[in-house]
Amino acid sequence: LKVRVVRSSPPSTQFKATFQESYQVYKRYQMVIHKDPPDKPTINQVRLVPVSFEDPQFKSSFNQSATLFAKYQMAIHKDTPSDCGENEFTRFLCDSPLEAENAPNGPECGYGSFHQQYWLDGKIIAVGVIDILPYCVSSVYLYYDPDYSFLSLGVYSALR
């Protein structure tokens, strides 16, 4: 048995070279131990979108995200439709005091607030609202389609 410690952030050459293999071990573990279905969202079905009405991906997915937020809030938290309208969604999960910044030594995506969108069959099934900062990633909120609760997307998002 050989154990290696490889730097994941910033990703080292070894980390990049073994990422897919490590991911396959993780996926198999999740399927065998936790009985995750094989079609659980994969790395290719997750998009990191800057929270900015200037960003085309954010603008094009805004209505779908807001609708999913309302569905989640009403099903999970028993909110009324007026508690989770578009204005409430924008105030709660889109308006951020953080300013986007692209530092030369920072991550490719830059620093700021992001919606980590989980897509399946062409639709968003979960959104992790995160802040990427110089020394940490802060998970602000996660909402998901209750129809996909069997995928344990909160656990998947936390591990990711």
N, C-alpha and C. Protein backbone atom coordinates (compact mmCIF):
# COMPACT_ATOMS: atom_id res chain seq x y z
N LEU A 1 0.86 -1.18 0.00
CA LEU A 1 0.00 0.00 0.00
C LEU A 1 0.88 1.22 0.00
N LYS A 2 0.58 2.13 -0.90
CA LYS A 2 1.33 3.37 -0.99
C LYS A 2 0.34 4.51 -0.79
N VAL A 3 0.66 5.45 0.07
CA VAL A 3 -0.21 6.59 0.32
C VAL A 3 0.54 7.85 -0.10
N ARG A 4 -0.13 8.70 -0.87
CA ARG A 4 0.47 9.96 -1.30
C ARG A 4 -0.41 11.10 -0.86
N VAL A 5 0.21 12.17 -0.47
CA VAL A 5 -0.51 13.42 -0.20
C VAL A 5 -0.23 14.32 -1.40
N VAL A 6 -1.31 14.72 -2.07
CA VAL A 6 -1.15 15.60 -3.23
C VAL A 6 -1.93 16.88 -2.99
N ARG A 7 -1.32 17.97 -3.33
CA ARG A 7 -1.96 19.27 -3.12
C ARG A 7 -3.16 19.42 -4.07
N SER A 8 -4.32 19.75 -3.46
CA SER A 8 -5.52 19.93 -4.27
C SER A 8 -5.80 21.40 -4.55
N SER A 9 -5.24 22.28 -3.74
CA SER A 9 -5.50 23.71 -3.94
C SER A 9 -4.27 24.52 -3.56
N PRO A 10 -3.65 25.17 -4.51
CA PRO A 10 -3.93 25.04 -5.95
C PRO A 10 -3.55 23.64 -6.43
N PRO A 11 -4.26 23.15 -7.43
CA PRO A 11 -4.05 21.77 -7.87
C PRO A 11 -2.62 21.54 -8.35
N SER A 12 -1.99 20.51 -7.78
CA SER A 12 -0.64 20.14 -8.19
C SER A 12 -0.72 19.31 -9.47
N THR A 13 0.40 19.08 -10.10
CA THR A 13 0.47 18.24 -11.29
C THR A 13 -0.02 16.84 -10.97
N GLN A 14 0.38 16.30 -9.81
CA GLN A 14 -0.06 14.95 -9.41
C GLN A 14 -1.58 14.91 -9.22
N PHE A 15 -2.14 15.95 -8.62
CA PHE A 15 -3.58 16.01 -8.41
C PHE A 15 -4.30 15.98 -9.75
N LYS A 16 -3.85 16.82 -10.67
CA LYS A 16 -4.48 16.88 -11.99
C LYS A 16 -4.35 15.55 -12.72
N ALA A 17 -3.18 14.91 -12.60
CA ALA A 17 -2.93 13.65 -13.30
C ALA A 17 -3.78 12.50 -12.77
N THR A 18 -4.18 12.56 -11.50
CA THR A 18 -4.93 11.44 -10.90
C THR A 18 -6.38 11.81 -10.61
N PHE A 19 -6.82 12.98 -11.03
CA PHE A 19 -8.17 13.43 -10.69
C PHE A 19 -9.26 12.47 -11.16
N GLN A 20 -9.24 12.11 -12.44
CA GLN A 20 -10.31 11.25 -12.97
C GLN A 20 -10.33 9.89 -12.28
N GLU A 21 -9.16 9.33 -12.03
CA GLU A 21 -9.08 8.04 -11.33
C GLU A 21 -9.63 8.16 -9.91
N SER A 22 -9.27 9.23 -9.22
CA SER A 22 -9.78 9.46 -7.86
C SER A 22 -11.29 9.65 -7.87
N TYR A 23 -11.77 10.38 -8.85
CA TYR A 23 -13.20 10.62 -8.97
C TYR A 23 -13.95 9.30 -9.18
N GLN A 24 -13.41 8.41 -10.02
CA GLN A 24 -14.06 7.12 -10.26
C GLN A 24 -14.12 6.27 -8.99
N VAL A 25 -13.06 6.32 -8.17
CA VAL A 25 -13.07 5.60 -6.89
C VAL A 25 -14.15 6.18 -5.99
N TYR A 26 -14.22 7.50 -5.93
CA TYR A 26 -15.25 8.17 -5.12
C TYR A 26 -16.65 7.75 -5.59
N LYS A 27 -16.88 7.80 -6.91
CA LYS A 27 -18.20 7.47 -7.45
C LYS A 27 -18.58 6.02 -7.13
N ARG A 28 -17.64 5.10 -7.30
CA ARG A 28 -17.91 3.69 -6.98
C ARG A 28 -18.23 3.52 -5.51
N TYR A 29 -17.45 4.19 -4.66
CA TYR A 29 -17.69 4.14 -3.21
C TYR A 29 -19.11 4.62 -2.90
N GLN A 30 -19.50 5.74 -3.47
CA GLN A 30 -20.84 6.29 -3.23
C GLN A 30 -21.93 5.31 -3.67
N MET A 31 -21.72 4.64 -4.80
CA MET A 31 -22.72 3.70 -5.31
C MET A 31 -22.81 2.45 -4.44
N VAL A 32 -21.67 1.92 -4.01
CA VAL A 32 -21.66 0.67 -3.24
C VAL A 32 -22.06 0.92 -1.79
N ILE A 33 -21.44 1.88 -1.15
CA ILE A 33 -21.66 2.11 0.28
C ILE A 33 -22.95 2.89 0.54
N HIS A 34 -23.17 3.94 -0.21
CA HIS A 34 -24.33 4.81 0.04
C HIS A 34 -25.50 4.57 -0.91
N LYS A 35 -25.34 3.60 -1.80
CA LYS A 35 -26.40 3.22 -2.74
C LYS A 35 -26.83 4.36 -3.64
N ASP A 36 -25.89 5.26 -3.97
CA ASP A 36 -26.20 6.33 -4.91
C ASP A 36 -26.47 5.72 -6.28
N PRO A 37 -27.41 6.30 -7.02
CA PRO A 37 -27.65 5.80 -8.37
C PRO A 37 -26.49 6.19 -9.29
N PRO A 38 -26.25 5.41 -10.34
CA PRO A 38 -25.13 5.71 -11.23
C PRO A 38 -25.31 7.03 -11.98
N ASP A 39 -26.56 7.51 -12.09
CA ASP A 39 -26.78 8.76 -12.82
C ASP A 39 -26.75 9.99 -11.93
N LYS A 40 -26.20 9.85 -10.72
CA LYS A 40 -26.05 11.01 -9.85
C LYS A 40 -25.21 12.05 -10.59
N PRO A 41 -25.47 13.32 -10.37
CA PRO A 41 -24.73 14.34 -11.13
C PRO A 41 -23.22 14.13 -11.10
N THR A 42 -22.62 14.35 -12.24
CA THR A 42 -21.18 14.17 -12.36
C THR A 42 -20.50 15.53 -12.44
N ILE A 43 -19.19 15.50 -12.42
CA ILE A 43 -18.39 16.72 -12.47
C ILE A 43 -18.73 17.54 -13.71
N ASN A 44 -19.10 16.89 -14.82
CA ASN A 44 -19.40 17.61 -16.05
C ASN A 44 -20.78 18.26 -16.03
N GLN A 45 -21.59 17.94 -15.03
CA GLN A 45 -22.94 18.49 -14.97
C GLN A 45 -23.04 19.61 -13.94
N VAL A 46 -21.92 20.09 -13.48
CA VAL A 46 -21.91 21.17 -12.50
C VAL A 46 -21.29 22.39 -13.14
N ARG A 47 -21.99 23.51 -13.07
CA ARG A 47 -21.48 24.76 -13.64
C ARG A 47 -21.31 25.79 -12.53
N LEU A 48 -20.21 26.49 -12.57
CA LEU A 48 -19.96 27.57 -11.63
C LEU A 48 -20.24 28.87 -12.37
N VAL A 49 -21.28 29.57 -11.95
CA VAL A 49 -21.73 30.76 -12.65
C VAL A 49 -21.60 31.97 -11.73
N PRO A 50 -20.88 33.01 -12.16
CA PRO A 50 -20.77 34.21 -11.32
C PRO A 50 -22.15 34.84 -11.11
N VAL A 51 -22.40 35.30 -9.90
CA VAL A 51 -23.66 35.97 -9.60
C VAL A 51 -23.55 37.40 -10.12
N SER A 52 -24.00 37.58 -11.34
CA SER A 52 -23.93 38.88 -11.99
C SER A 52 -24.94 38.92 -13.11
N PHE A 53 -25.76 39.93 -13.10
CA PHE A 53 -26.75 40.08 -14.18
C PHE A 53 -26.08 40.48 -15.49
N GLU A 54 -24.78 40.72 -15.45
CA GLU A 54 -24.00 40.99 -16.66
C GLU A 54 -23.52 39.69 -17.30
N ASP A 55 -23.52 38.59 -16.54
CA ASP A 55 -23.02 37.31 -17.04
C ASP A 55 -24.11 36.61 -17.85
N PRO A 56 -23.84 36.22 -19.09
CA PRO A 56 -24.87 35.59 -19.93
C PRO A 56 -25.41 34.28 -19.36
N GLN A 57 -24.54 33.44 -18.77
CA GLN A 57 -25.02 32.18 -18.19
C GLN A 57 -25.94 32.44 -17.01
N PHE A 58 -25.58 33.41 -16.17
CA PHE A 58 -26.41 33.74 -15.02
C PHE A 58 -27.77 34.26 -15.49
N LYS A 59 -27.75 35.19 -16.45
CA LYS A 59 -29.01 35.75 -16.95
C LYS A 59 -29.88 34.68 -17.59
N SER A 60 -29.27 33.78 -18.36
CA SER A 60 -30.08 32.80 -19.08
C SER A 60 -30.65 31.72 -18.15
N SER A 61 -30.05 31.54 -16.98
CA SER A 61 -30.55 30.52 -16.05
C SER A 61 -31.30 31.12 -14.87
N PHE A 62 -31.42 32.44 -14.81
CA PHE A 62 -32.03 33.11 -13.67
C PHE A 62 -33.45 32.62 -13.40
N ASN A 63 -34.31 32.61 -14.41
CA ASN A 63 -35.71 32.22 -14.20
C ASN A 63 -35.82 30.78 -13.71
N GLN A 64 -35.03 29.89 -14.30
CA GLN A 64 -35.06 28.49 -13.87
C GLN A 64 -34.59 28.36 -12.42
N SER A 65 -33.54 29.11 -12.06
CA SER A 65 -33.03 29.08 -10.68
C SER A 65 -34.06 29.64 -9.70
N ALA A 66 -34.68 30.74 -10.05
CA ALA A 66 -35.67 31.37 -9.17
C ALA A 66 -36.89 30.46 -8.97
N THR A 67 -37.32 29.80 -10.04
CA THR A 67 -38.46 28.88 -9.95
C THR A 67 -38.11 27.68 -9.07
N LEU A 68 -36.90 27.16 -9.23
CA LEU A 68 -36.46 26.03 -8.40
C LEU A 68 -36.36 26.45 -6.94
N PHE A 69 -35.86 27.65 -6.68
CA PHE A 69 -35.77 28.17 -5.31
C PHE A 69 -37.16 28.20 -4.67
N ALA A 70 -38.16 28.72 -5.38
CA ALA A 70 -39.52 28.79 -4.85
C ALA A 70 -40.08 27.39 -4.57
N LYS A 71 -39.85 26.46 -5.49
CA LYS A 71 -40.33 25.08 -5.30
C LYS A 71 -39.71 24.48 -4.04
N TYR A 72 -38.40 24.68 -3.87
CA TYR A 72 -37.68 24.16 -2.70
C TYR A 72 -38.21 24.80 -1.42
N GLN A 73 -38.31 26.11 -1.40
CA GLN A 73 -38.73 26.82 -0.19
C GLN A 73 -40.14 26.40 0.25
N MET A 74 -41.03 26.23 -0.73
CA MET A 74 -42.41 25.86 -0.39
C MET A 74 -42.49 24.40 0.08
N ALA A 75 -41.72 23.50 -0.56
CA ALA A 75 -41.78 22.09 -0.19
C ALA A 75 -41.02 21.79 1.10
N ILE A 76 -39.84 22.34 1.25
CA ILE A 76 -38.98 21.99 2.37
C ILE A 76 -39.24 22.88 3.58
N HIS A 77 -39.37 24.18 3.35
CA HIS A 77 -39.54 25.12 4.47
C HIS A 77 -40.98 25.62 4.66
N LYS A 78 -41.88 25.13 3.82
CA LYS A 78 -43.31 25.47 3.91
C LYS A 78 -43.56 26.97 3.77
N ASP A 79 -42.72 27.65 2.99
CA ASP A 79 -42.93 29.08 2.72
C ASP A 79 -44.16 29.25 1.84
N THR A 80 -44.76 30.41 1.91
CA THR A 80 -45.86 30.74 1.00
C THR A 80 -45.24 31.27 -0.30
N PRO A 81 -46.00 31.25 -1.39
CA PRO A 81 -45.46 31.77 -2.66
C PRO A 81 -44.96 33.22 -2.53
N SER A 82 -45.62 34.03 -1.73
CA SER A 82 -45.18 35.43 -1.59
C SER A 82 -43.87 35.55 -0.81
N ASP A 83 -43.52 34.52 -0.03
CA ASP A 83 -42.25 34.53 0.71
C ASP A 83 -41.05 34.18 -0.16
N CYS A 84 -41.30 33.63 -1.33
CA CYS A 84 -40.17 33.16 -2.14
C CYS A 84 -40.31 33.54 -3.61
N GLY A 85 -40.78 34.75 -3.83
CA GLY A 85 -40.88 35.26 -5.19
C GLY A 85 -39.53 35.68 -5.73
N GLU A 86 -39.56 36.20 -6.94
CA GLU A 86 -38.32 36.60 -7.62
C GLU A 86 -37.56 37.68 -6.84
N ASN A 87 -38.28 38.65 -6.28
CA ASN A 87 -37.62 39.71 -5.50
C ASN A 87 -36.93 39.15 -4.26
N GLU A 88 -37.59 38.22 -3.56
CA GLU A 88 -37.02 37.61 -2.37
C GLU A 88 -35.79 36.76 -2.74
N PHE A 89 -35.91 36.04 -3.83
CA PHE A 89 -34.78 35.24 -4.33
C PHE A 89 -33.58 36.14 -4.63
N THR A 90 -33.82 37.22 -5.34
CA THR A 90 -32.74 38.14 -5.71
C THR A 90 -32.11 38.75 -4.46
N ARG A 91 -32.92 39.21 -3.54
CA ARG A 91 -32.40 39.84 -2.32
C ARG A 91 -31.60 38.84 -1.49
N PHE A 92 -32.11 37.61 -1.36
CA PHE A 92 -31.51 36.61 -0.50
C PHE A 92 -30.26 35.96 -1.11
N LEU A 93 -30.31 35.62 -2.41
CA LEU A 93 -29.25 34.79 -2.98
C LEU A 93 -28.52 35.37 -4.20
N CYS A 94 -28.90 36.56 -4.62
CA CYS A 94 -28.22 37.16 -5.78
C CYS A 94 -27.51 38.46 -5.43
N ASP A 95 -28.09 39.25 -4.53
CA ASP A 95 -27.44 40.49 -4.12
C ASP A 95 -26.34 40.14 -3.12
N SER A 96 -25.11 40.46 -3.47
CA SER A 96 -23.98 40.12 -2.62
C SER A 96 -23.12 41.37 -2.41
N PRO A 97 -22.60 41.55 -1.20
CA PRO A 97 -21.71 42.68 -0.97
C PRO A 97 -20.32 42.45 -1.57
N LEU A 98 -20.03 41.21 -1.98
CA LEU A 98 -18.71 40.92 -2.54
C LEU A 98 -18.60 41.46 -3.96
N GLU A 99 -17.44 42.01 -4.26
CA GLU A 99 -17.17 42.44 -5.62
C GLU A 99 -16.31 41.40 -6.30
N ALA A 100 -16.62 41.12 -7.54
CA ALA A 100 -15.83 40.15 -8.30
C ALA A 100 -14.40 40.68 -8.47
N GLU A 101 -13.45 39.76 -8.35
CA GLU A 101 -12.05 40.14 -8.50
C GLU A 101 -11.29 38.99 -9.14
N ASN A 102 -10.47 39.31 -10.10
CA ASN A 102 -9.62 38.31 -10.75
C ASN A 102 -8.17 38.64 -10.41
N ALA A 103 -7.68 38.04 -9.35
CA ALA A 103 -6.30 38.26 -8.91
C ALA A 103 -5.36 37.40 -9.75
N PRO A 104 -4.16 37.87 -10.04
CA PRO A 104 -3.23 37.11 -10.87
C PRO A 104 -2.89 35.73 -10.29
N ASN A 105 -2.84 35.60 -8.97
CA ASN A 105 -2.52 34.32 -8.35
C ASN A 105 -3.76 33.60 -7.83
N GLY A 106 -4.93 34.09 -8.18
CA GLY A 106 -6.16 33.50 -7.69
C GLY A 106 -6.69 32.42 -8.61
N PRO A 107 -7.84 31.86 -8.28
CA PRO A 107 -8.43 30.80 -9.11
C PRO A 107 -8.87 31.36 -10.46
N GLU A 108 -8.97 30.46 -11.45
CA GLU A 108 -9.37 30.87 -12.80
C GLU A 108 -10.69 31.63 -12.80
N CYS A 109 -11.63 31.19 -11.98
CA CYS A 109 -12.96 31.80 -11.96
C CYS A 109 -12.95 33.15 -11.25
N GLY A 110 -11.89 33.43 -10.50
CA GLY A 110 -11.81 34.67 -9.73
C GLY A 110 -12.45 34.51 -8.37
N TYR A 111 -12.50 35.61 -7.63
CA TYR A 111 -13.12 35.65 -6.31
C TYR A 111 -14.48 36.31 -6.44
N GLY A 112 -15.39 35.98 -5.54
CA GLY A 112 -16.70 36.60 -5.53
C GLY A 112 -17.79 35.60 -5.19
N SER A 113 -19.02 35.97 -5.51
CA SER A 113 -20.18 35.12 -5.25
C SER A 113 -20.54 34.35 -6.52
N PHE A 114 -20.89 33.08 -6.33
CA PHE A 114 -21.20 32.20 -7.46
C PHE A 114 -22.41 31.34 -7.15
N HIS A 115 -23.09 30.93 -8.21
CA HIS A 115 -24.11 29.89 -8.13
C HIS A 115 -23.49 28.65 -8.77
N GLN A 116 -23.37 27.60 -7.98
CA GLN A 116 -22.84 26.33 -8.46
C GLN A 116 -24.06 25.52 -8.87
N GLN A 117 -24.32 25.48 -10.17
CA GLN A 117 -25.54 24.87 -10.69
C GLN A 117 -25.32 23.40 -11.03
N TYR A 118 -26.24 22.57 -10.59
CA TYR A 118 -26.21 21.14 -10.88
C TYR A 118 -27.27 20.85 -11.93
N TRP A 119 -26.83 20.42 -13.10
CA TRP A 119 -27.71 20.20 -14.24
C TRP A 119 -27.89 18.71 -14.50
N LEU A 120 -29.10 18.32 -14.84
CA LEU A 120 -29.40 16.95 -15.22
C LEU A 120 -30.45 16.99 -16.33
N ASP A 121 -30.16 16.35 -17.43
CA ASP A 121 -31.08 16.31 -18.58
C ASP A 121 -31.53 17.71 -18.99
N GLY A 122 -30.60 18.66 -19.02
CA GLY A 122 -30.89 19.99 -19.51
C GLY A 122 -31.62 20.92 -18.55
N LYS A 123 -31.77 20.51 -17.29
CA LYS A 123 -32.42 21.41 -16.34
C LYS A 123 -31.64 21.46 -15.02
N ILE A 124 -31.78 22.57 -14.35
CA ILE A 124 -31.11 22.74 -13.06
C ILE A 124 -31.88 21.98 -12.00
N ILE A 125 -31.17 21.11 -11.25
CA ILE A 125 -31.84 20.35 -10.19
C ILE A 125 -31.35 20.78 -8.80
N ALA A 126 -30.29 21.58 -8.75
CA ALA A 126 -29.81 22.10 -7.46
C ALA A 126 -28.89 23.29 -7.73
N VAL A 127 -28.82 24.16 -6.73
CA VAL A 127 -27.91 25.31 -6.81
C VAL A 127 -27.27 25.49 -5.45
N GLY A 128 -25.95 25.51 -5.45
CA GLY A 128 -25.19 25.84 -4.25
C GLY A 128 -24.72 27.28 -4.39
N VAL A 129 -25.12 28.13 -3.48
CA VAL A 129 -24.69 29.53 -3.50
C VAL A 129 -23.42 29.59 -2.66
N ILE A 130 -22.31 29.98 -3.31
CA ILE A 130 -21.03 29.98 -2.62
C ILE A 130 -20.28 31.28 -2.84
N ASP A 131 -19.42 31.61 -1.89
CA ASP A 131 -18.50 32.72 -2.03
C ASP A 131 -17.10 32.13 -2.11
N ILE A 132 -16.37 32.48 -3.14
CA ILE A 132 -14.98 32.05 -3.27
C ILE A 132 -14.12 33.22 -2.83
N LEU A 133 -13.36 32.98 -1.77
CA LEU A 133 -12.54 34.01 -1.15
C LEU A 133 -11.07 33.59 -1.22
N PRO A 134 -10.14 34.50 -0.93
CA PRO A 134 -8.72 34.14 -1.06
C PRO A 134 -8.27 32.94 -0.24
N TYR A 135 -8.86 32.70 0.92
CA TYR A 135 -8.38 31.60 1.76
C TYR A 135 -9.45 30.57 2.09
N CYS A 136 -10.62 30.66 1.47
CA CYS A 136 -11.66 29.68 1.76
C CYS A 136 -12.79 29.77 0.74
N VAL A 137 -13.64 28.77 0.79
CA VAL A 137 -14.90 28.79 0.05
C VAL A 137 -15.98 28.75 1.11
N SER A 138 -16.92 29.66 1.03
CA SER A 138 -17.99 29.73 2.00
C SER A 138 -19.30 29.29 1.35
N SER A 139 -19.92 28.27 1.93
CA SER A 139 -21.20 27.80 1.43
C SER A 139 -22.29 28.66 2.05
N VAL A 140 -22.99 29.41 1.24
CA VAL A 140 -24.01 30.34 1.72
C VAL A 140 -25.36 29.63 1.86
N TYR A 141 -25.75 28.87 0.84
CA TYR A 141 -27.07 28.23 0.84
C TYR A 141 -27.08 27.18 -0.25
N LEU A 142 -27.90 26.16 -0.07
CA LEU A 142 -28.11 25.16 -1.11
C LEU A 142 -29.60 24.93 -1.22
N TYR A 143 -30.10 24.93 -2.43
CA TYR A 143 -31.49 24.53 -2.66
C TYR A 143 -31.51 23.55 -3.82
N TYR A 144 -32.51 22.66 -3.80
CA TYR A 144 -32.57 21.59 -4.79
C TYR A 144 -34.02 21.27 -5.09
N ASP A 145 -34.21 20.56 -6.19
CA ASP A 145 -35.53 20.11 -6.56
C ASP A 145 -35.90 18.95 -5.63
N PRO A 146 -36.96 19.08 -4.84
CA PRO A 146 -37.35 18.00 -3.92
C PRO A 146 -37.61 16.67 -4.61
N ASP A 147 -37.92 16.70 -5.91
CA ASP A 147 -38.12 15.46 -6.66
C ASP A 147 -36.83 14.63 -6.76
N TYR A 148 -35.69 15.30 -6.52
CA TYR A 148 -34.39 14.62 -6.61
C TYR A 148 -33.73 14.47 -5.25
N SER A 149 -34.51 14.49 -4.20
CA SER A 149 -33.92 14.39 -2.85
C SER A 149 -33.19 13.06 -2.65
N PHE A 150 -33.60 12.01 -3.39
CA PHE A 150 -32.94 10.71 -3.27
C PHE A 150 -31.47 10.76 -3.71
N LEU A 151 -31.05 11.81 -4.40
CA LEU A 151 -29.67 11.93 -4.82
C LEU A 151 -28.75 12.51 -3.73
N SER A 152 -29.34 12.95 -2.62
CA SER A 152 -28.55 13.52 -1.51
C SER A 152 -27.63 14.63 -2.01
N LEU A 153 -28.21 15.58 -2.72
CA LEU A 153 -27.41 16.63 -3.36
C LEU A 153 -26.74 17.55 -2.34
N GLY A 154 -27.30 17.69 -1.15
CA GLY A 154 -26.64 18.48 -0.11
C GLY A 154 -25.33 17.85 0.32
N VAL A 155 -25.35 16.54 0.50
CA VAL A 155 -24.12 15.81 0.87
C VAL A 155 -23.12 15.90 -0.28
N TYR A 156 -23.58 15.67 -1.49
CA TYR A 156 -22.70 15.73 -2.66
C TYR A 156 -22.07 17.11 -2.77
N SER A 157 -22.87 18.14 -2.59
CA SER A 157 -22.36 19.51 -2.69
C SER A 157 -21.33 19.81 -1.61
N ALA A 158 -21.58 19.37 -0.40
CA ALA A 158 -20.64 19.61 0.70
C ALA A 158 -19.31 18.91 0.43
N LEU A 159 -19.35 17.69 -0.08
CA LEU A 159 -18.12 16.97 -0.40
C LEU A 159 -17.38 17.61 -1.57
N ARG A 160 -18.13 18.08 -2.51
CA ARG A 160 -17.54 18.71 -3.69
C ARG A 160 -16.85 19.98 -3.30
